[in-house]
Every structure is written in C-alpha cells, then in structure tokens.
C-alpha cells in the first residue's frame, strides 16, 4: 500500500508559485542584457587587441595599432605627457561610463507596472492603464471634464491633480475615497498611497 507524505504537498505547490514570482519579477524590472552585452563587447574587444599585439610582437611582426612597449611607456609617463584639459575630460568620461554601469548593476530598474494577484496566471498592468481608470473615477466624482484631471501612478504613490470648474467646488475627501476604492478594486500590489491636489484656480465650465 502506497503511503502519501503530506509534507510533500506544500513543496509541490510552492514550486509553481516560485516560478510565477520569477516571471513576474522579469515583467516588473527592466532587463540588464543590453548593458551586459555592451560591457562584454568592450572588454572582449580590448582583450583581443592586446592579445593580437602581443602575438605580433612575439613572432617579430610589426604591430597593428600600437607597439605594446610604447603603450606601456606612455602609461608610465602619465599624467605628464597629456594636456590637463584632455586628461580631465577623459577622466570625467570614464567616470560617467563607470557610473552608468554601476547604477545599472545596483538599481532595481523597475518598469512602470504593477502586479495584480491571480491564481490562474500572471497579470501585470501598466501604470498608464491604472492611471486612466483612476482618472475616470476621479472625473466622475468631481464632475469635471477629462482635461481637468491628471493622474500619475508610481510604485508607492498616486497623485491626482484636479482643476475645478469655476463656481463648482470639489470635495477633495470624496475624490480621494473614490480613487482609493478603485485601487482596492484593481487589487494591485503594492497598494500605493493616494494624494489629491485641488487647484486653487478654476477653469471656465466646458
């Protein structure tokens, strides 16, 4: 008679969940493939040039780009053999390139998207789509036109900017409650904070 170990079931259920988490992370974060390819090409190209020059030197042939001995002597004489302006500009350029690669490596590189929990699959919504839905609800609650509402969505914050119609005050608390309710309906993760800003100057009714 076959025995079933109940402790194995959670592990089997956890495996697909981990797989979905990895796929979702790929959809929510920008790829570093382009930066990796550029860095690899630069390093590989430099290594190939050095290898070629060393090989030509070893077999007694004329160098291709620069004599390794001359290059070593030039590096040894730095910074006295280079004008200060060129040396400073080169240093700033190298610093900028290094900073770009460093930030690419350490920053999360999040894309403007949010995850929506689903048992059937992976659901990711663009922030623009979420902002459009929130703007529609805010516009209806404030009784204003499309041009009078601007909604921006980031990972942890939703900003709603309203320009009321002249002579028709806007209930800021009502608009915030409606927007928060719409966020709960969308079930995005993480749920961002909502801030509503009502302009002090109104516009002519449209």
Protein backbone atom coordinates (compact mmCIF):
# COMPACT_ATOMS: atom_id res chain seq x y z
CA UNK A 1 0.00 0.00 0.00
CA UNK A 2 1.42 3.34 -1.05
CA UNK A 3 1.89 5.92 1.67
CA UNK A 4 1.39 9.63 0.93
CA UNK A 5 3.52 12.07 2.87
CA UNK A 6 1.50 15.23 3.44
CA UNK A 7 4.63 17.33 3.93
CA UNK A 8 5.45 16.89 0.22
CA UNK A 9 2.31 18.67 -0.98
CA UNK A 10 3.24 22.21 0.09
CA UNK A 11 6.60 21.84 -1.65
CA UNK A 12 4.89 20.88 -4.90
CA UNK A 13 2.52 23.82 -4.58
CA UNK A 14 5.36 26.20 -3.72
CA UNK A 15 7.35 25.35 -6.85
CA UNK A 16 4.84 26.87 -9.33
CA UNK A 17 4.47 29.86 -7.02
CA UNK A 18 8.21 30.50 -7.10
CA UNK A 19 8.16 30.12 -10.86
CA UNK A 20 5.38 32.72 -11.15
CA UNK A 21 7.31 35.06 -8.86
CA UNK A 22 10.38 34.84 -11.10
CA UNK A 23 8.35 35.50 -14.24
CA UNK A 24 6.59 38.43 -12.57
CA UNK A 25 9.91 39.90 -11.47
CA UNK A 26 11.09 39.81 -15.09
CA UNK A 27 7.97 41.68 -16.19
CA UNK A 28 8.31 44.30 -13.46
CA UNK A 29 12.04 45.00 -13.88
CA UNK A 30 13.99 46.19 -16.88
CA UNK A 31 16.47 43.79 -18.45
CA UNK A 32 20.20 44.34 -17.99
CA UNK A 33 21.01 42.32 -21.10
CA UNK A 34 21.87 45.37 -23.22
CA UNK A 35 24.31 46.79 -20.64
CA UNK A 36 25.85 43.35 -20.13
CA UNK A 37 26.36 42.88 -23.88
CA UNK A 38 27.98 46.32 -24.25
CA UNK A 39 30.32 45.68 -21.32
CA UNK A 40 31.21 42.22 -22.63
CA UNK A 41 31.92 43.54 -26.15
CA UNK A 42 34.16 46.33 -24.81
CA UNK A 43 36.14 44.02 -22.55
CA UNK A 44 36.39 41.29 -25.19
CA UNK A 45 37.49 43.79 -27.84
CA UNK A 46 40.21 45.22 -25.59
CA UNK A 47 41.46 41.74 -24.72
CA UNK A 48 41.55 40.71 -28.39
CA UNK A 49 43.56 43.81 -29.36
CA UNK A 50 46.06 43.20 -26.55
CA UNK A 51 46.34 39.52 -27.50
CA UNK A 52 46.88 40.38 -31.17
CA UNK A 53 49.55 42.97 -30.41
CA UNK A 54 51.34 40.55 -28.07
CA UNK A 55 51.18 37.80 -30.70
CA UNK A 56 52.59 40.06 -33.42
CA UNK A 57 55.36 41.16 -31.09
CA UNK A 58 56.20 37.54 -30.24
CA UNK A 59 56.59 36.47 -33.89
CA UNK A 60 58.58 39.57 -34.79
CA UNK A 61 55.93 41.27 -36.92
CA UNK A 62 55.04 44.97 -36.98
CA UNK A 63 52.37 45.98 -34.51
CA UNK A 64 48.82 46.53 -35.75
CA UNK A 65 47.63 49.57 -33.77
CA UNK A 66 50.29 50.42 -31.20
CA UNK A 67 53.55 48.92 -30.00
CA UNK A 68 52.98 47.32 -26.57
CA UNK A 69 56.26 48.77 -25.30
CA UNK A 70 55.35 52.26 -26.47
CA UNK A 71 51.92 51.92 -24.88
CA UNK A 72 53.42 50.81 -21.58
CA UNK A 73 55.90 53.69 -21.65
CA UNK A 74 53.11 56.17 -22.43
CA UNK A 75 51.04 54.90 -19.50
CA UNK A 76 54.09 55.07 -17.23
CA UNK A 77 54.59 58.76 -18.08
CA UNK A 78 51.03 59.77 -17.19
CA UNK A 79 49.86 62.40 -16.40
CA UNK A 80 52.81 64.49 -17.52
CA UNK A 81 52.53 63.57 -21.20
CA UNK A 82 48.87 64.58 -21.61
CA UNK A 83 47.43 68.13 -21.53
CA UNK A 84 45.41 68.72 -18.34
CA UNK A 85 42.24 69.59 -20.27
CA UNK A 86 42.27 66.33 -22.25
CA UNK A 87 43.21 64.36 -19.15
CA UNK A 88 40.34 65.88 -17.15
CA UNK A 89 37.82 65.33 -19.93
CA UNK A 90 38.92 61.70 -20.33
CA UNK A 91 38.66 61.14 -16.59
CA UNK A 92 35.14 62.57 -16.48
CA UNK A 93 34.11 60.41 -19.43
CA UNK A 94 35.44 57.25 -17.78
CA UNK A 95 33.75 58.24 -14.52
CA UNK A 96 30.43 58.75 -16.30
CA UNK A 97 30.63 55.41 -18.13
CA UNK A 98 31.57 53.61 -14.93
CA UNK A 99 28.74 55.29 -13.04
CA UNK A 100 26.23 54.23 -15.69
CA UNK A 101 27.29 50.59 -15.48
CA UNK A 102 27.40 50.73 -11.69
CA UNK A 103 23.87 52.12 -11.44
CA UNK A 104 22.64 49.55 -13.94
CA UNK A 105 24.05 46.85 -11.69
CA UNK A 106 22.77 48.04 -8.30
CA UNK A 107 19.47 49.79 -9.06
CA UNK A 108 16.33 47.64 -9.30
CA UNK A 109 15.37 49.08 -12.69
CA UNK A 110 11.65 48.88 -12.06
CA UNK A 111 9.32 49.31 -15.01
CA UNK A 112 6.14 51.45 -14.71
CA UNK A 113 3.96 48.42 -13.96
CA UNK A 114 2.09 46.81 -11.08
CA UNK A 115 1.27 43.21 -10.33
CA UNK A 116 -2.32 42.07 -9.94
CA UNK A 117 -2.65 38.82 -7.96
CA UNK A 118 -4.26 35.98 -9.89
CA UNK A 119 -4.49 32.24 -9.30
CA UNK A 120 -4.88 31.46 -12.99
CA UNK A 121 -1.79 33.16 -14.26
CA UNK A 122 0.41 36.24 -14.16
CA UNK A 123 -1.30 39.61 -14.54
CA UNK A 124 0.76 42.80 -14.89
CA UNK A 125 -0.83 46.20 -15.57
CA UNK A 126 0.92 49.27 -16.95
CA UNK A 127 0.76 52.34 -14.76
CA UNK A 128 -0.80 54.28 -17.64
CA UNK A 129 -3.73 51.88 -17.74
CA UNK A 130 -4.19 52.15 -13.98
CA UNK A 131 -3.97 55.95 -14.16
CA UNK A 132 -6.62 56.05 -16.88
CA UNK A 133 -9.01 54.01 -14.73
CA UNK A 134 -8.39 56.19 -11.68
CA UNK A 135 -8.80 59.39 -13.70
CA UNK A 136 -12.16 58.23 -14.96
CA UNK A 137 -13.43 57.61 -11.42
CA UNK A 138 -11.98 60.90 -10.13
CA UNK A 139 -13.50 62.80 -13.04
CA UNK A 140 -16.94 61.38 -12.32
CA UNK A 141 -16.68 62.12 -8.59
CA UNK A 142 -15.51 65.71 -9.15
CA UNK A 143 -17.91 66.32 -12.06
CA UNK A 144 -15.19 67.76 -14.29
CA UNK A 145 -14.01 67.16 -17.83
CA UNK A 146 -11.17 64.94 -18.98
CA UNK A 147 -8.78 67.87 -19.40
CA UNK A 148 -9.24 68.93 -15.76
CA UNK A 149 -7.85 65.73 -14.25
CA UNK A 150 -4.27 64.48 -14.30
CA UNK A 151 -3.36 61.21 -12.58
CA UNK A 152 0.18 59.89 -12.25
CA UNK A 153 0.93 56.46 -10.83
CA UNK A 154 4.26 55.32 -9.41
CA UNK A 155 5.21 52.32 -7.31
CA UNK A 156 4.22 53.84 -3.95
CA UNK A 157 2.23 56.94 -4.84
CA UNK A 158 -0.81 58.00 -6.84
CA UNK A 159 -1.12 61.75 -7.42
CA UNK A 160 -4.43 63.20 -8.58
CA UNK A 161 -4.35 66.82 -9.75
CA UNK A 162 -7.72 68.48 -10.25
CA UNK A 163 -8.68 71.85 -11.69
CA UNK A 164 -12.28 72.50 -10.64
CA UNK A 165 -14.85 74.29 -12.74
CA UNK A 166 -15.35 77.90 -11.65
CA UNK A 167 -18.21 78.19 -9.18
CA UNK A 168 -18.36 74.42 -8.55
CA UNK A 169 -16.28 73.36 -5.52
CA UNK A 170 -14.72 69.89 -5.42
CA UNK A 171 -14.97 67.61 -2.40
CA UNK A 172 -11.35 66.55 -2.04
CA UNK A 173 -12.15 63.84 0.54
CA UNK A 174 -14.79 62.35 -1.75
CA UNK A 175 -12.39 62.19 -4.70
CA UNK A 176 -9.69 60.57 -2.55
CA UNK A 177 -12.14 57.98 -1.25
CA UNK A 178 -13.29 57.13 -4.76
CA UNK A 179 -9.72 56.76 -6.02
CA UNK A 180 -8.76 54.58 -3.07
CA UNK A 181 -11.82 52.41 -3.67
CA UNK A 182 -10.83 51.96 -7.31
CA UNK A 183 -7.32 50.95 -6.23
CA UNK A 184 -8.78 48.30 -3.95
CA UNK A 185 -10.89 47.02 -6.84
CA UNK A 186 -7.85 46.68 -9.10
CA UNK A 187 -6.02 44.73 -6.34
CA UNK A 188 -2.60 45.89 -7.49
CA UNK A 189 0.45 45.12 -5.35
CA UNK A 190 1.82 47.04 -3.58
CA UNK A 191 -1.09 49.43 -2.97
CA UNK A 192 0.24 52.98 -3.41
CA UNK A 193 -0.67 55.98 -1.28
CA UNK A 194 -3.20 58.40 -2.77
CA UNK A 195 -2.72 62.18 -2.75
CA UNK A 196 -5.29 64.55 -4.19
CA UNK A 197 -4.38 68.13 -5.08
CA UNK A 198 -7.15 70.55 -6.00
CA UNK A 199 -6.02 73.68 -7.79
CA UNK A 200 -6.97 76.99 -6.21
CA UNK A 201 -7.81 78.44 -9.63
CA UNK A 202 -10.77 77.08 -11.56
CA UNK A 203 -11.50 76.92 -15.26
CA UNK A 204 -14.47 78.09 -17.25
CA UNK A 205 -17.17 75.40 -17.48
CA UNK A 206 -16.92 73.22 -20.57
